[in-house]
Amino acid sequence: MENYAELREQIAQDLDTLSRTENPKSIFEIADDYLLGNPSLKRELVEDIIKEEADKRNIPIH
């Protein structure tokens, strides 16, 4: 996924789904799901996007 807007959108959708169906997950667990699917992504980038999108939605992650 070279297109980070697409990655951001997918993360946002996944966070919305997680917030309705599960307890808050660790940011590392969420990032691992994306990194396993696309090892070329950088962990720091994925974690930053997760943090930003979770903050926008007031979704608690740890």
PDB file of N, CA and C in Angstrom:
ATOM      1  N   MET A   1       0.832  -1.183   0.000  1.00  0.00           N
ATOM      2  CA  MET A   1       0.000   0.000   0.000  1.00  0.00           C
ATOM      3  C   MET A   1       0.876   1.246   0.000  1.00  0.00           C
ATOM      4  N   GLU A   2       1.225   1.688  -1.139  1.00  0.00           N
ATOM      5  CA  GLU A   2       2.031   2.892  -1.217  1.00  0.00           C
ATOM      6  C   GLU A   2       1.203   4.135  -0.954  1.00  0.00           C
ATOM      7  N   ASN A   3      -0.084   4.022  -1.131  1.00  0.00           N
ATOM      8  CA  ASN A   3      -0.965   5.171  -0.950  1.00  0.00           C
ATOM      9  C   ASN A   3      -1.375   5.259   0.524  1.00  0.00           C
ATOM     10  N   TYR A   4      -0.794   6.226   1.245  1.00  0.00           N
ATOM     11  CA  TYR A   4      -1.060   6.320   2.670  1.00  0.00           C
ATOM     12  C   TYR A   4      -2.461   6.817   2.972  1.00  0.00           C
ATOM     13  N   ALA A   5      -3.089   7.538   2.047  1.00  0.00           N
ATOM     14  CA  ALA A   5      -4.483   7.950   2.242  1.00  0.00           C
ATOM     15  C   ALA A   5      -5.374   6.715   2.307  1.00  0.00           C
ATOM     16  N   GLU A   6      -5.079   5.738   1.471  1.00  0.00           N
ATOM     17  CA  GLU A   6      -5.837   4.482   1.480  1.00  0.00           C
ATOM     18  C   GLU A   6      -5.593   3.729   2.795  1.00  0.00           C
ATOM     19  N   LEU A   7      -4.358   3.697   3.242  1.00  0.00           N
ATOM     20  CA  LEU A   7      -4.019   3.051   4.506  1.00  0.00           C
ATOM     21  C   LEU A   7      -4.742   3.750   5.655  1.00  0.00           C
ATOM     22  N   ARG A   8      -4.726   5.062   5.662  1.00  0.00           N
ATOM     23  CA  ARG A   8      -5.390   5.846   6.714  1.00  0.00           C
ATOM     24  C   ARG A   8      -6.887   5.542   6.738  1.00  0.00           C
ATOM     25  N   GLU A   9      -7.493   5.476   5.564  1.00  0.00           N
ATOM     26  CA  GLU A   9      -8.922   5.185   5.477  1.00  0.00           C
ATOM     27  C   GLU A   9      -9.233   3.787   6.017  1.00  0.00           C
ATOM     28  N   GLN A  10      -8.395   2.824   5.670  1.00  0.00           N
ATOM     29  CA  GLN A  10      -8.602   1.453   6.147  1.00  0.00           C
ATOM     30  C   GLN A  10      -8.449   1.376   7.666  1.00  0.00           C
ATOM     31  N   ILE A  11      -7.439   2.054   8.189  1.00  0.00           N
ATOM     32  CA  ILE A  11      -7.233   2.076   9.636  1.00  0.00           C
ATOM     33  C   ILE A  11      -8.430   2.722  10.325  1.00  0.00           C
ATOM     34  N   ALA A  12      -8.915   3.817   9.779  1.00  0.00           N
ATOM     35  CA  ALA A  12     -10.068   4.510  10.362  1.00  0.00           C
ATOM     36  C   ALA A  12     -11.287   3.585  10.396  1.00  0.00           C
ATOM     37  N   GLN A  13     -11.537   2.883   9.307  1.00  0.00           N
ATOM     38  CA  GLN A  13     -12.676   1.960   9.263  1.00  0.00           C
ATOM     39  C   GLN A  13     -12.497   0.834  10.274  1.00  0.00           C
ATOM     40  N   ASP A  14     -11.290   0.305  10.351  1.00  0.00           N
ATOM     41  CA  ASP A  14     -11.037  -0.782  11.293  1.00  0.00           C
ATOM     42  C   ASP A  14     -11.188  -0.317  12.742  1.00  0.00           C
ATOM     43  N   LEU A  15     -10.719   0.885  13.040  1.00  0.00           N
ATOM     44  CA  LEU A  15     -10.875   1.413  14.400  1.00  0.00           C
ATOM     45  C   LEU A  15     -12.345   1.607  14.751  1.00  0.00           C
ATOM     46  N   ASP A  16     -13.120   2.102  13.795  1.00  0.00           N
ATOM     47  CA  ASP A  16     -14.557   2.260  14.029  1.00  0.00           C
ATOM     48  C   ASP A  16     -15.194   0.914  14.331  1.00  0.00           C
ATOM     49  N   THR A  17     -14.831  -0.103  13.564  1.00  0.00           N
ATOM     50  CA  THR A  17     -15.372  -1.448  13.779  1.00  0.00           C
ATOM     51  C   THR A  17     -14.928  -2.003  15.126  1.00  0.00           C
ATOM     52  N   LEU A  18     -13.648  -1.871  15.439  1.00  0.00           N
ATOM     53  CA  LEU A  18     -13.135  -2.361  16.721  1.00  0.00           C
ATOM     54  C   LEU A  18     -13.810  -1.684  17.904  1.00  0.00           C
ATOM     55  N   SER A  19     -14.059  -0.394  17.783  1.00  0.00           N
ATOM     56  CA  SER A  19     -14.649   0.334  18.912  1.00  0.00           C
ATOM     57  C   SER A  19     -16.068  -0.138  19.200  1.00  0.00           C
ATOM     58  N   ARG A  20     -16.741  -0.689  18.199  1.00  0.00           N
ATOM     59  CA  ARG A  20     -18.109  -1.181  18.397  1.00  0.00           C
ATOM     60  C   ARG A  20     -18.155  -2.644  18.825  1.00  0.00           C
ATOM     61  N   THR A  21     -17.095  -3.398  18.533  1.00  0.00           N
ATOM     62  CA  THR A  21     -17.173  -4.842  18.729  1.00  0.00           C
ATOM     63  C   THR A  21     -16.234  -5.404  19.783  1.00  0.00           C
ATOM     64  N   GLU A  22     -15.181  -4.689  20.135  1.00  0.00           N
ATOM     65  CA  GLU A  22     -14.181  -5.235  21.051  1.00  0.00           C
ATOM     66  C   GLU A  22     -13.751  -4.198  22.080  1.00  0.00           C
ATOM     67  N   ASN A  23     -13.084  -4.697  23.080  1.00  0.00           N
ATOM     68  CA  ASN A  23     -12.434  -3.803  24.026  1.00  0.00           C
ATOM     69  C   ASN A  23     -11.250  -3.148  23.326  1.00  0.00           C
ATOM     70  N   PRO A  24     -10.791  -2.019  23.844  1.00  0.00           N
ATOM     71  CA  PRO A  24      -9.634  -1.373  23.229  1.00  0.00           C
ATOM     72  C   PRO A  24      -8.451  -2.329  23.138  1.00  0.00           C
ATOM     73  N   LYS A  25      -7.766  -2.269  22.033  1.00  0.00           N
ATOM     74  CA  LYS A  25      -6.603  -3.108  21.816  1.00  0.00           C
ATOM     75  C   LYS A  25      -5.345  -2.271  21.971  1.00  0.00           C
ATOM     76  N   SER A  26      -4.259  -2.943  22.081  1.00  0.00           N
ATOM     77  CA  SER A  26      -2.972  -2.276  22.101  1.00  0.00           C
ATOM     78  C   SER A  26      -2.653  -1.752  20.708  1.00  0.00           C
ATOM     79  N   ILE A  27      -2.027  -0.592  20.671  1.00  0.00           N
ATOM     80  CA  ILE A  27      -1.629  -0.033  19.378  1.00  0.00           C
ATOM     81  C   ILE A  27      -0.674  -0.992  18.667  1.00  0.00           C
ATOM     82  N   PHE A  28       0.112  -1.734  19.453  1.00  0.00           N
ATOM     83  CA  PHE A  28       1.055  -2.676  18.852  1.00  0.00           C
ATOM     84  C   PHE A  28       0.325  -3.838  18.183  1.00  0.00           C
ATOM     85  N   GLU A  29      -0.756  -4.300  18.799  1.00  0.00           N
ATOM     86  CA  GLU A  29      -1.555  -5.382  18.196  1.00  0.00           C
ATOM     87  C   GLU A  29      -2.193  -4.927  16.889  1.00  0.00           C
ATOM     88  N   ILE A  30      -2.727  -3.716  16.897  1.00  0.00           N
ATOM     89  CA  ILE A  30      -3.364  -3.190  15.699  1.00  0.00           C
ATOM     90  C   ILE A  30      -2.317  -3.016  14.597  1.00  0.00           C
ATOM     91  N   ALA A  31      -1.174  -2.433  14.940  1.00  0.00           N
ATOM     92  CA  ALA A  31      -0.111  -2.217  13.953  1.00  0.00           C
ATOM     93  C   ALA A  31       0.393  -3.548  13.399  1.00  0.00           C
ATOM     94  N   ASP A  32       0.513  -4.547  14.261  1.00  0.00           N
ATOM     95  CA  ASP A  32       0.985  -5.862  13.813  1.00  0.00           C
ATOM     96  C   ASP A  32       0.099  -6.423  12.704  1.00  0.00           C
ATOM     97  N   ASP A  33      -1.207  -6.220  12.823  1.00  0.00           N
ATOM     98  CA  ASP A  33      -2.130  -6.714  11.795  1.00  0.00           C
ATOM     99  C   ASP A  33      -1.795  -6.112  10.430  1.00  0.00           C
ATOM    100  N   TYR A  34      -1.486  -4.839  10.403  1.00  0.00           N
ATOM    101  CA  TYR A  34      -1.155  -4.178   9.129  1.00  0.00           C
ATOM    102  C   TYR A  34       0.230  -4.578   8.642  1.00  0.00           C
ATOM    103  N   LEU A  35       1.169  -4.695   9.564  1.00  0.00           N
ATOM    104  CA  LEU A  35       2.538  -5.031   9.176  1.00  0.00           C
ATOM    105  C   LEU A  35       2.645  -6.467   8.666  1.00  0.00           C
ATOM    106  N   LEU A  36       1.850  -7.371   9.230  1.00  0.00           N
ATOM    107  CA  LEU A  36       1.836  -8.743   8.720  1.00  0.00           C
ATOM    108  C   LEU A  36       1.263  -8.786   7.309  1.00  0.00           C
ATOM    109  N   GLY A  37       0.270  -7.954   7.052  1.00  0.00           N
ATOM    110  CA  GLY A  37      -0.350  -7.908   5.732  1.00  0.00           C
ATOM    111  C   GLY A  37       0.514  -7.219   4.687  1.00  0.00           C
ATOM    112  N   ASN A  38       1.371  -6.328   5.138  1.00  0.00           N
ATOM    113  CA  ASN A  38       2.227  -5.594   4.210  1.00  0.00           C
ATOM    114  C   ASN A  38       3.545  -5.257   4.906  1.00  0.00           C
ATOM    115  N   PRO A  39       4.516  -6.179   4.846  1.00  0.00           N
ATOM    116  CA  PRO A  39       5.780  -5.980   5.563  1.00  0.00           C
ATOM    117  C   PRO A  39       6.607  -4.779   5.093  1.00  0.00           C
ATOM    118  N   SER A  40       6.268  -4.202   3.957  1.00  0.00           N
ATOM    119  CA  SER A  40       7.039  -3.054   3.479  1.00  0.00           C
ATOM    120  C   SER A  40       6.677  -1.763   4.218  1.00  0.00           C
ATOM    121  N   LEU A  41       5.570  -1.789   4.966  1.00  0.00           N
ATOM    122  CA  LEU A  41       5.194  -0.612   5.754  1.00  0.00           C
ATOM    123  C   LEU A  41       6.142  -0.447   6.938  1.00  0.00           C
ATOM    124  N   LYS A  42       6.325   0.767   7.354  1.00  0.00           N
ATOM    125  CA  LYS A  42       7.158   1.042   8.528  1.00  0.00           C
ATOM    126  C   LYS A  42       6.261   1.121   9.760  1.00  0.00           C
ATOM    127  N   ARG A  43       6.683   0.443  10.836  1.00  0.00           N
ATOM    128  CA  ARG A  43       5.898   0.395  12.072  1.00  0.00           C
ATOM    129  C   ARG A  43       5.569   1.789  12.575  1.00  0.00           C
ATOM    130  N   GLU A  44       6.541   2.674  12.585  1.00  0.00           N
ATOM    131  CA  GLU A  44       6.326   4.021  13.122  1.00  0.00           C
ATOM    132  C   GLU A  44       5.216   4.750  12.357  1.00  0.00           C
ATOM    133  N   LEU A  45       5.212   4.625  11.039  1.00  0.00           N
ATOM    134  CA  LEU A  45       4.180   5.259  10.219  1.00  0.00           C
ATOM    135  C   LEU A  45       2.805   4.703  10.562  1.00  0.00           C
ATOM    136  N   VAL A  46       2.695   3.384  10.636  1.00  0.00           N
ATOM    137  CA  VAL A  46       1.415   2.740  10.934  1.00  0.00           C
ATOM    138  C   VAL A  46       0.932   3.144  12.323  1.00  0.00           C
ATOM    139  N   GLU A  47       1.808   3.132  13.309  1.00  0.00           N
ATOM    140  CA  GLU A  47       1.422   3.509  14.669  1.00  0.00           C
ATOM    141  C   GLU A  47       0.989   4.972  14.743  1.00  0.00           C
ATOM    142  N   ASP A  48       1.676   5.853  14.027  1.00  0.00           N
ATOM    143  CA  ASP A  48       1.298   7.272  14.027  1.00  0.00           C
ATOM    144  C   ASP A  48      -0.102   7.464  13.441  1.00  0.00           C
ATOM    145  N   ILE A  49      -0.389   6.773  12.350  1.00  0.00           N
ATOM    146  CA  ILE A  49      -1.710   6.885  11.733  1.00  0.00           C
ATOM    147  C   ILE A  49      -2.776   6.334  12.678  1.00  0.00           C
ATOM    148  N   ILE A  50      -2.492   5.209  13.324  1.00  0.00           N
ATOM    149  CA  ILE A  50      -3.446   4.626  14.277  1.00  0.00           C
ATOM    150  C   ILE A  50      -3.728   5.620  15.405  1.00  0.00           C
ATOM    151  N   LYS A  51      -2.685   6.208  15.960  1.00  0.00           N
ATOM    152  CA  LYS A  51      -2.854   7.175  17.050  1.00  0.00           C
ATOM    153  C   LYS A  51      -3.708   8.368  16.608  1.00  0.00           C
ATOM    154  N   GLU A  52      -3.388   8.905  15.436  1.00  0.00           N
ATOM    155  CA  GLU A  52      -4.128  10.072  14.939  1.00  0.00           C
ATOM    156  C   GLU A  52      -5.599   9.749  14.717  1.00  0.00           C
ATOM    157  N   GLU A  53      -5.867   8.626  14.084  1.00  0.00           N
ATOM    158  CA  GLU A  53      -7.253   8.263  13.783  1.00  0.00           C
ATOM    159  C   GLU A  53      -8.021   7.905  15.056  1.00  0.00           C
ATOM    160  N   ALA A  54      -7.369   7.261  16.004  1.00  0.00           N
ATOM    161  CA  ALA A  54      -8.023   6.936  17.272  1.00  0.00           C
ATOM    162  C   ALA A  54      -8.335   8.214  18.051  1.00  0.00           C
ATOM    163  N   ASP A  55      -7.404   9.160  18.046  1.00  0.00           N
ATOM    164  CA  ASP A  55      -7.631  10.436  18.731  1.00  0.00           C
ATOM    165  C   ASP A  55      -8.813  11.190  18.119  1.00  0.00           C
ATOM    166  N   LYS A  56      -8.910  11.199  16.792  1.00  0.00           N
ATOM    167  CA  LYS A  56     -10.015  11.882  16.119  1.00  0.00           C
ATOM    168  C   LYS A  56     -11.367  11.308  16.553  1.00  0.00           C
ATOM    169  N   ARG A  57     -11.375  10.007  16.848  1.00  0.00           N
ATOM    170  CA  ARG A  57     -12.629   9.309  17.171  1.00  0.00           C
ATOM    171  C   ARG A  57     -12.810   9.098  18.677  1.00  0.00           C
ATOM    172  N   ASN A  58     -11.884   9.609  19.479  1.00  0.00           N
ATOM    173  CA  ASN A  58     -11.912   9.386  20.936  1.00  0.00           C
ATOM    174  C   ASN A  58     -12.008   7.903  21.269  1.00  0.00           C
ATOM    175  N   ILE A  59     -11.241   7.097  20.543  1.00  0.00           N
ATOM    176  CA  ILE A  59     -11.194   5.656  20.784  1.00  0.00           C
ATOM    177  C   ILE A  59      -9.967   5.387  21.656  1.00  0.00           C
ATOM    178  N   PRO A  60     -10.200   4.792  22.821  1.00  0.00           N
ATOM    179  CA  PRO A  60      -9.054   4.519  23.704  1.00  0.00           C
ATOM    180  C   PRO A  60      -8.244   3.326  23.198  1.00  0.00           C
ATOM    181  N   ILE A  61      -6.977   3.564  22.961  1.00  0.00           N
ATOM    182  CA  ILE A  61      -6.046   2.481  22.660  1.00  0.00           C
ATOM    183  C   ILE A  61      -4.877   2.654  23.596  1.00  0.00           C
ATOM    184  N   HIS A  62      -4.172   1.598  23.831  1.00  0.00           N
ATOM    185  CA  HIS A  62      -3.043   1.698  24.769  1.00  0.00           C
ATOM    186  C   HIS A  62      -1.805   1.120  24.155  1.00  0.00           C
TER     187      HIS A  62
END
